[in-house]
Amino acid sequence: MFTESTPLSTEKNKNEDQESKEIPQVQQGLNIFQTAFFMIGNVAGSGILVLPKAIDYAGCIGLFLMIVAAFASGYNGIRLGQCWTIVRRRYRHMDGYVQDPYAAIAKAAFGSKMGILVSLMGNIFLFGVAVVFVLMSSQNLQSLLQHWFNLRISFCYWILILGTSLIPACWLGSPKNFKIFGIISASTIFLACLIMNCAFIAQIYTKKSETVYKPPNPSKLIFSFGVMMYSFSGTVTFPTIQQDMKRPEKFHLSAWVSYTSRSIFAKGIN
């Protein structure tokens, strides 16, 4: 004879079976360090360039706020990875490749309307980031070529050139199809931070005046913390990277590696 607790017990056993279901392995997927390289490239982008100014606005508590921002973003990234692991175990139709896993998590948690809203917000965010990168790269190319080769080409033309040259990269399916770009991205960030650190060290021996640490400016403190959070943004792409891992359940290890490296980079230039 069945009791009222029978459906609940059956549902509980069903969920336990789903939780224990193995996540499909990705052939030729990303390992822990390749995933960390992609995450470093996502998180330590243009935001690392504005960190010194943000810490200057925050004054003596700038370093503490940066650590808080790094911890909050890292915690968010690890939790996102755990959420995506749970979703893939519970919904068998997500065993294959999912185009927008970030929105899929929202849909599984709050329904299709929330999935659409999260997808829209994510696309707006990524579009804005792409615009910033193209503008910044165009201006840097204009200044570099004008300085070294006296080549005077407006950055407006460089926007068209860069935008066109990036189109083929958009045809690649997922992060596992362009592993080399993740390594190049993290390597260039490391190289840029190394060059800046060498410049700062050289400046110590040539600078005559002493460094003055300003007290926190209340009117700019919120702006400063917002810039720090922006510099650690990019978690919207984490589930997409995670699903291309050979062992997606090891995503938290990649998150620790990437955020530790990112924090060291940020501390070095501030």
Protein backbone atom coordinates (compact mmCIF):
# COMPACT_ATOMS: atom_id res chain seq x y z
CA MET A 1 0.00 0.00 0.00
CA PHE A 2 1.31 3.40 -0.98
CA THR A 3 1.44 6.28 1.44
CA GLU A 4 1.63 10.03 0.91
CA SER A 5 5.40 9.91 1.27
CA THR A 6 5.82 7.50 -1.62
CA PRO A 7 5.91 10.15 -4.44
CA LEU A 8 8.40 12.21 -2.47
CA SER A 9 10.60 9.20 -1.89
CA THR A 10 10.42 8.28 -5.57
CA GLU A 11 11.30 11.84 -6.60
CA LYS A 12 14.18 11.86 -4.12
CA ASN A 13 15.57 8.61 -5.53
CA LYS A 14 15.18 9.97 -9.04
CA ASN A 15 17.16 13.10 -8.16
CA GLU A 16 19.86 11.02 -6.48
CA ASP A 17 20.20 8.92 -9.63
CA GLN A 18 20.45 12.06 -11.72
CA GLU A 19 23.02 13.62 -9.39
CA SER A 20 25.19 10.50 -9.64
CA LYS A 21 25.01 10.40 -13.45
CA GLU A 22 28.41 10.88 -15.04
CA ILE A 23 28.93 13.95 -17.22
CA PRO A 24 29.98 12.96 -20.77
CA GLN A 25 33.69 13.38 -21.46
CA VAL A 26 34.73 15.77 -24.24
CA GLN A 27 37.17 14.23 -26.67
CA GLN A 28 40.19 16.50 -27.20
CA GLY A 29 38.72 18.92 -24.69
CA LEU A 30 40.48 21.46 -22.51
CA ASN A 31 42.57 20.43 -19.54
CA ILE A 32 42.71 22.34 -16.25
CA PHE A 33 45.50 24.71 -17.30
CA GLN A 34 44.12 25.39 -20.78
CA THR A 35 40.81 26.28 -19.15
CA ALA A 36 42.65 28.57 -16.73
CA PHE A 37 44.33 30.33 -19.67
CA PHE A 38 40.93 31.04 -21.23
CA MET A 39 39.60 32.32 -17.92
CA ILE A 40 42.60 34.61 -17.43
CA GLY A 41 42.05 35.98 -20.94
CA ASN A 42 38.38 36.61 -20.14
CA VAL A 43 38.87 38.18 -16.72
CA ALA A 44 42.17 40.04 -17.14
CA GLY A 45 41.31 42.07 -20.20
CA SER A 46 40.93 45.81 -20.47
CA GLY A 47 39.90 46.00 -16.82
CA ILE A 48 43.45 45.45 -15.63
CA LEU A 49 44.48 48.70 -17.33
CA VAL A 50 42.06 50.82 -15.29
CA LEU A 51 42.81 49.17 -11.94
CA PRO A 52 45.61 51.59 -10.95
CA LYS A 53 43.28 54.58 -11.30
CA ALA A 54 40.52 52.81 -9.38
CA ILE A 55 42.90 52.03 -6.51
CA ASP A 56 44.13 55.62 -6.58
CA TYR A 57 40.54 56.81 -6.08
CA ALA A 58 40.01 54.32 -3.24
CA GLY A 59 43.13 55.47 -1.41
CA CYS A 60 44.65 53.32 1.32
CA ILE A 61 41.79 50.77 1.24
CA GLY A 62 42.14 50.19 -2.51
CA LEU A 63 44.09 46.96 -2.11
CA PHE A 64 41.48 45.59 0.31
CA LEU A 65 38.64 46.42 -2.12
CA MET A 66 40.55 44.72 -4.94
CA ILE A 67 40.87 41.54 -2.87
CA VAL A 68 37.12 41.67 -2.09
CA ALA A 69 36.31 42.07 -5.79
CA ALA A 70 38.61 39.18 -6.74
CA PHE A 71 37.12 36.92 -4.08
CA ALA A 72 33.51 37.79 -5.05
CA SER A 73 34.15 37.18 -8.75
CA GLY A 74 36.07 33.96 -8.08
CA TYR A 75 33.35 32.64 -5.77
CA ASN A 76 30.75 33.48 -8.40
CA GLY A 77 32.74 31.63 -11.06
CA ILE A 78 33.11 28.49 -8.93
CA ARG A 79 29.40 28.48 -8.09
CA LEU A 80 28.52 28.89 -11.75
CA GLY A 81 30.62 25.86 -12.56
CA GLN A 82 28.85 23.82 -9.88
CA CYS A 83 25.44 24.97 -11.15
CA TRP A 84 26.27 23.93 -14.71
CA THR A 85 27.45 20.52 -13.47
CA ILE A 86 24.13 20.01 -11.64
CA VAL A 87 22.08 21.10 -14.68
CA ARG A 88 23.92 18.71 -17.01
CA ARG A 89 23.41 15.81 -14.62
CA ARG A 90 19.71 16.46 -14.16
CA TYR A 91 18.74 17.20 -17.77
CA ARG A 92 19.81 14.49 -20.19
CA HIS A 93 19.09 16.61 -23.28
CA MET A 94 22.02 18.85 -22.24
CA ASP A 95 24.56 16.04 -22.54
CA GLY A 96 25.62 17.44 -25.92
CA TYR A 97 26.90 20.90 -26.78
CA VAL A 98 24.74 23.77 -25.50
CA GLN A 99 25.08 27.08 -27.32
CA ASP A 100 24.35 29.32 -24.32
CA PRO A 101 24.89 27.41 -21.05
CA TYR A 102 24.74 30.58 -18.93
CA ALA A 103 21.15 31.17 -20.05
CA ALA A 104 20.42 27.44 -19.74
CA ILE A 105 21.26 27.60 -16.03
CA ALA A 106 18.81 30.49 -15.58
CA LYS A 107 16.13 28.62 -17.54
CA ALA A 108 16.56 25.49 -15.44
CA ALA A 109 16.35 27.52 -12.22
CA PHE A 110 13.62 30.09 -12.97
CA GLY A 111 11.94 29.15 -16.26
CA SER A 112 12.15 30.09 -19.92
CA LYS A 113 11.43 33.82 -19.41
CA MET A 114 14.42 34.21 -17.10
CA GLY A 115 16.53 32.25 -19.59
CA ILE A 116 15.63 34.73 -22.33
CA LEU A 117 16.34 37.71 -20.05
CA VAL A 118 19.75 36.35 -18.99
CA SER A 119 20.64 35.56 -22.59
CA LEU A 120 19.73 39.11 -23.62
CA MET A 121 21.78 40.66 -20.79
CA GLY A 122 24.75 38.43 -21.57
CA ASN A 123 24.71 39.36 -25.26
CA ILE A 124 24.51 43.07 -24.44
CA PHE A 125 27.46 42.72 -22.05
CA LEU A 126 29.59 40.80 -24.56
CA PHE A 127 28.72 43.25 -27.34
CA GLY A 128 29.82 46.15 -25.16
CA VAL A 129 33.08 44.40 -24.26
CA ALA A 130 33.77 43.68 -27.94
CA VAL A 131 33.20 47.34 -28.83
CA VAL A 132 35.65 48.47 -26.12
CA PHE A 133 38.32 46.01 -27.26
CA VAL A 134 38.01 46.96 -30.94
CA LEU A 135 38.17 50.69 -30.17
CA MET A 136 41.12 50.26 -27.82
CA SER A 137 43.01 48.02 -30.26
CA SER A 138 42.38 50.42 -33.12
CA GLN A 139 43.71 53.40 -31.20
CA ASN A 140 46.75 51.43 -30.03
CA LEU A 141 47.55 50.33 -33.60
CA GLN A 142 47.19 53.88 -34.87
CA SER A 143 49.58 55.24 -32.23
CA LEU A 144 52.08 52.38 -32.60
CA LEU A 145 52.35 52.50 -36.38
CA GLN A 146 52.46 56.27 -36.43
CA HIS A 147 55.26 56.31 -33.87
CA TRP A 148 57.44 53.56 -35.33
CA PHE A 149 56.71 53.72 -39.07
CA ASN A 150 55.21 57.21 -39.45
CA LEU A 151 52.16 55.50 -40.95
CA ARG A 152 49.20 57.83 -40.58
CA ILE A 153 45.98 55.82 -40.79
CA SER A 154 42.94 56.95 -38.83
CA PHE A 155 41.76 54.57 -36.12
CA CYS A 156 38.34 54.69 -37.83
CA TYR A 157 39.82 52.62 -40.66
CA TRP A 158 41.53 50.33 -38.18
CA ILE A 159 38.11 49.59 -36.67
CA LEU A 160 36.95 48.27 -40.04
CA ILE A 161 40.17 46.32 -40.59
CA LEU A 162 40.12 44.69 -37.16
CA GLY A 163 36.40 43.97 -37.27
CA THR A 164 36.74 42.28 -40.64
CA SER A 165 39.79 40.27 -39.62
CA LEU A 166 37.98 38.95 -36.52
CA ILE A 167 35.02 37.57 -38.46
CA PRO A 168 36.66 34.19 -39.27
CA ALA A 169 37.29 33.63 -35.56
CA CYS A 170 33.52 33.86 -34.98
CA TRP A 171 33.02 30.81 -37.22
CA LEU A 172 34.88 28.55 -34.79
CA GLY A 173 32.50 26.43 -32.76
CA SER A 174 33.68 26.60 -29.17
CA PRO A 175 36.80 27.24 -27.03
CA LYS A 176 38.22 23.76 -27.68
CA ASN A 177 38.48 24.70 -31.38
CA PHE A 178 40.90 27.57 -30.71
CA LYS A 179 42.97 26.50 -27.72
CA ILE A 180 45.97 28.43 -29.01
CA PHE A 181 44.12 31.75 -28.63
CA GLY A 182 43.61 31.16 -24.92
CA ILE A 183 47.32 30.51 -24.42
CA ILE A 184 48.28 33.57 -26.51
CA SER A 185 45.81 35.76 -24.60
CA ALA A 186 47.12 34.76 -21.16
CA SER A 187 50.75 35.01 -22.36
CA THR A 188 50.33 38.54 -23.71
CA ILE A 189 48.66 39.65 -20.48
CA PHE A 190 51.55 38.20 -18.47
CA LEU A 191 54.06 39.89 -20.79
CA ALA A 192 52.29 43.25 -20.54
CA CYS A 193 52.25 43.05 -16.72
CA LEU A 194 55.92 42.09 -16.71
CA ILE A 195 56.84 45.09 -18.88
CA MET A 196 54.81 47.43 -16.67
CA ASN A 197 56.45 46.05 -13.53
CA CYS A 198 59.91 46.56 -15.05
CA ALA A 199 58.95 50.15 -15.91
CA PHE A 200 57.72 50.76 -12.37
CA ILE A 201 60.91 49.33 -10.86
CA ALA A 202 63.02 51.53 -13.14
CA GLN A 203 60.93 54.53 -12.13
CA ILE A 204 61.67 53.91 -8.44
CA TYR A 205 65.36 54.62 -8.99
CA THR A 206 64.80 57.68 -11.19
CA LYS A 207 61.88 59.32 -9.40
CA LYS A 208 62.97 62.07 -7.04
CA SER A 209 59.69 62.81 -5.26
CA GLU A 210 58.12 60.43 -2.75
CA THR A 211 54.85 58.60 -3.39
CA VAL A 212 51.87 60.23 -1.68
CA TYR A 213 49.01 57.96 -0.56
CA LYS A 214 45.72 59.83 -0.63
CA PRO A 215 42.94 59.23 1.91
CA PRO A 216 39.79 57.49 0.56
CA ASN A 217 37.53 59.79 -1.44
CA PRO A 218 33.90 58.98 -0.46
CA SER A 219 32.47 60.51 -3.64
CA LYS A 220 34.64 58.26 -5.82
CA LEU A 221 34.72 55.15 -3.64
CA ILE A 222 31.65 53.56 -5.25
CA PHE A 223 32.99 54.32 -8.72
CA SER A 224 36.32 52.79 -7.73
CA PHE A 225 34.74 49.56 -6.48
CA GLY A 226 32.59 49.37 -9.63
CA VAL A 227 35.68 49.61 -11.81
CA MET A 228 37.35 46.87 -9.75
CA MET A 229 34.35 44.59 -10.19
CA TYR A 230 34.38 45.32 -13.92
CA SER A 231 38.04 44.38 -14.08
CA PHE A 232 37.14 40.95 -12.67
CA SER A 233 34.08 40.48 -14.90
CA GLY A 234 33.70 37.90 -17.66
CA THR A 235 32.05 35.11 -15.69
CA VAL A 236 29.23 35.00 -18.24
CA THR A 237 31.50 32.92 -20.49
CA PHE A 238 32.64 30.48 -17.80
CA PRO A 239 29.97 27.79 -18.40
CA THR A 240 30.79 27.88 -22.12
CA ILE A 241 34.44 27.21 -21.33
CA GLN A 242 33.60 24.58 -18.72
CA GLN A 243 31.52 22.42 -21.05
CA ASP A 244 34.55 22.04 -23.35
CA MET A 245 36.69 20.57 -20.55
CA LYS A 246 37.74 16.93 -20.55
CA ARG A 247 36.71 16.81 -16.88
CA PRO A 248 34.07 19.55 -16.34
CA GLU A 249 33.77 18.66 -12.65
CA LYS A 250 37.36 19.93 -12.19
CA PHE A 251 36.38 23.46 -13.23
CA HIS A 252 36.88 24.82 -9.71
CA LEU A 253 40.59 24.01 -9.94
CA SER A 254 40.90 26.09 -13.10
CA ALA A 255 39.05 28.91 -11.34
CA TRP A 256 41.53 28.86 -8.45
CA VAL A 257 44.50 28.92 -10.83
CA SER A 258 43.11 31.71 -12.99
CA TYR A 259 42.01 34.02 -10.16
CA THR A 260 45.20 33.52 -8.20
CA SER A 261 47.24 34.40 -11.30
CA ARG A 262 44.94 37.30 -12.12
CA SER A 263 45.27 38.73 -8.60
CA ILE A 264 49.06 38.47 -8.77
CA PHE A 265 49.04 40.31 -12.11
CA ALA A 266 46.77 43.02 -10.69
CA LYS A 267 48.81 43.43 -7.52
CA GLY A 268 51.99 43.78 -9.54
CA ILE A 269 50.81 46.85 -11.45
CA ASN A 270 49.25 48.67 -8.48
